[in-house]
Amino acid sequence: MQPSTFSVLIVEDTHVQALQFKSMLESIGCQVTWVDTGESGVKMANRKPFDLILLDIELPDISGFEVLERLKNNRDLSNTPMVMLTTHDEADHVLHGLDLGAIDYIPKDVFAEVVLRETVRSLLENGNGAGVSV
């Protein structure tokens, strides 16, 4: 992977939150694509490869769980790391996302950007990206 090619797809319908995550990720060298519906997330993920996909659970058309399940059932995308973003922190939501194949679950709170940065750092340490400085 060449510098600045760690690519992230954000599937988030709340513009302010999406722009916050996008700005933080770009500040550490990620290339970020943002879509605001589940269906557009599925289409975008099928169009081009991403190193990481961030999924909001509550989307206006289909749930982030459905997006996760559809992407994980796609042989070409099943190994792509996917992280759930949500205001819900109930154990059943967390377990459901992890059971479907999410690698992490980040509650949308004041620490979300720090936790996301740490998740990206962990992926990089495991050889899943380059050109990103966290």
Protein backbone atom coordinates (compact mmCIF):
# COMPACT_ATOMS: atom_id res chain seq x y z
CA MET A 1 0.00 0.00 0.00
CA GLN A 2 1.36 3.42 -0.91
CA PRO A 3 1.28 6.42 1.47
CA SER A 4 -2.16 7.96 1.97
CA THR A 5 -3.95 4.99 0.47
CA PHE A 6 -5.63 3.68 3.63
CA SER A 7 -9.20 4.13 2.50
CA VAL A 8 -12.23 4.40 4.76
CA LEU A 9 -15.90 4.31 3.84
CA ILE A 10 -18.17 6.10 6.33
CA VAL A 11 -21.86 5.16 6.19
CA GLU A 12 -23.46 7.78 8.45
CA ASP A 13 -26.61 9.85 7.98
CA THR A 14 -25.84 12.53 10.60
CA HIS A 15 -23.81 15.08 8.66
CA VAL A 16 -22.10 16.71 11.65
CA GLN A 17 -20.87 13.38 12.99
CA ALA A 18 -19.81 12.14 9.57
CA LEU A 19 -17.82 15.31 8.95
CA GLN A 20 -16.14 15.02 12.36
CA PHE A 21 -15.04 11.45 11.67
CA LYS A 22 -14.03 12.36 8.11
CA SER A 23 -11.93 15.31 9.28
CA MET A 24 -10.16 13.26 11.96
CA LEU A 25 -9.42 10.40 9.56
CA GLU A 26 -8.13 12.74 6.86
CA SER A 27 -5.91 14.46 9.44
CA ILE A 28 -4.05 11.18 9.97
CA GLY A 29 -3.68 10.49 6.24
CA CYS A 30 -6.72 8.39 5.38
CA GLN A 31 -8.65 8.74 2.14
CA VAL A 32 -12.30 9.00 3.16
CA THR A 33 -15.52 8.44 1.24
CA TRP A 34 -18.77 9.32 2.96
CA VAL A 35 -22.31 8.23 2.08
CA ASP A 36 -25.47 8.86 4.08
CA THR A 37 -27.69 5.83 3.44
CA GLY A 38 -27.29 2.10 3.87
CA GLU A 39 -28.07 1.29 0.24
CA SER A 40 -25.51 3.80 -1.00
CA GLY A 41 -23.00 2.25 1.42
CA VAL A 42 -23.60 -1.22 -0.02
CA LYS A 43 -23.26 0.12 -3.57
CA MET A 44 -20.09 2.07 -2.80
CA ALA A 45 -18.47 -0.88 -1.01
CA ASN A 46 -19.21 -3.06 -4.04
CA ARG A 47 -17.78 -0.43 -6.41
CA LYS A 48 -14.31 -0.05 -4.92
CA PRO A 49 -12.24 -1.66 -2.18
CA PHE A 50 -11.90 -0.02 1.24
CA ASP A 51 -9.50 -0.82 4.06
CA LEU A 52 -12.12 -0.03 6.69
CA ILE A 53 -15.87 0.53 6.68
CA LEU A 54 -17.61 2.51 9.46
CA LEU A 55 -21.33 1.83 9.78
CA ASP A 56 -23.94 3.77 11.71
CA ILE A 57 -26.64 1.43 13.01
CA GLU A 58 -29.55 3.83 12.53
CA LEU A 59 -29.74 4.79 8.86
CA PRO A 60 -32.74 6.25 7.04
CA ASP A 61 -33.33 3.33 4.68
CA ILE A 62 -31.87 0.07 6.02
CA SER A 63 -30.11 -0.60 9.30
CA GLY A 64 -26.36 -0.71 9.67
CA PHE A 65 -26.82 -4.32 10.79
CA GLU A 66 -28.37 -5.15 7.41
CA VAL A 67 -25.55 -3.35 5.60
CA LEU A 68 -23.00 -5.27 7.67
CA GLU A 69 -24.68 -8.59 6.98
CA ARG A 70 -24.94 -7.95 3.24
CA LEU A 71 -21.29 -6.89 2.99
CA LYS A 72 -20.02 -9.78 5.11
CA ASN A 73 -22.00 -12.23 2.94
CA ASN A 74 -20.19 -10.90 -0.14
CA ARG A 75 -17.11 -13.09 -0.64
CA ASP A 76 -15.13 -10.14 -2.02
CA LEU A 77 -15.88 -7.97 1.03
CA SER A 78 -16.09 -10.49 3.86
CA ASN A 79 -12.54 -9.79 5.08
CA THR A 80 -12.91 -6.00 5.08
CA PRO A 81 -12.80 -4.71 8.67
CA MET A 82 -16.12 -3.10 9.63
CA VAL A 83 -16.85 -1.04 12.73
CA MET A 84 -20.28 -0.14 14.06
CA LEU A 85 -20.96 3.47 15.16
CA THR A 86 -24.03 4.20 17.23
CA THR A 87 -25.68 6.04 20.08
CA HIS A 88 -26.91 2.67 21.39
CA ASP A 89 -24.74 0.98 23.96
CA GLU A 90 -27.01 -1.89 24.97
CA ALA A 91 -25.21 -5.22 25.19
CA ASP A 92 -27.60 -6.89 22.71
CA HIS A 93 -26.73 -4.30 20.02
CA VAL A 94 -23.02 -4.76 20.63
CA LEU A 95 -23.25 -8.55 20.54
CA HIS A 96 -25.44 -8.54 17.44
CA GLY A 97 -22.95 -6.38 15.52
CA LEU A 98 -20.00 -8.50 16.64
CA ASP A 99 -21.88 -11.71 15.79
CA LEU A 100 -22.47 -10.37 12.28
CA GLY A 101 -18.75 -9.76 11.82
CA ALA A 102 -17.98 -6.23 13.05
CA ILE A 103 -14.47 -5.95 14.49
CA ASP A 104 -15.38 -3.16 16.89
CA TYR A 105 -18.30 -1.18 18.23
CA ILE A 106 -17.83 2.52 18.93
CA PRO A 107 -20.49 4.42 20.87
CA LYS A 108 -20.98 7.98 19.60
CA ASP A 109 -19.83 9.88 22.64
CA VAL A 110 -17.08 12.34 23.51
CA PHE A 111 -14.48 9.56 23.19
CA ALA A 112 -15.59 8.22 19.79
CA GLU A 113 -12.84 9.92 17.79
CA VAL A 114 -10.15 8.70 20.20
CA VAL A 115 -11.47 5.14 20.04
CA LEU A 116 -11.69 5.31 16.23
CA ARG A 117 -8.11 6.59 16.02
CA GLU A 118 -7.00 3.66 18.20
CA THR A 119 -8.90 1.21 16.00
CA VAL A 120 -7.15 2.57 12.90
CA ARG A 121 -3.79 2.39 14.73
CA SER A 122 -4.46 -1.25 15.60
CA LEU A 123 -5.30 -2.09 11.99
CA LEU A 124 -2.08 -0.43 10.85
CA GLU A 125 0.00 -2.34 13.39
CA ASN A 126 -1.45 -5.55 12.00
CA GLY A 127 -0.30 -4.62 8.50
CA ASN A 128 -3.65 -3.43 7.22
CA GLY A 129 -2.56 0.01 6.07
CA ALA A 130 0.25 2.41 5.39
CA GLY A 131 0.81 6.13 5.14
CA VAL A 132 -1.34 6.90 8.14
CA SER A 133 0.18 8.53 11.21
CA VAL A 134 -1.82 8.08 14.37
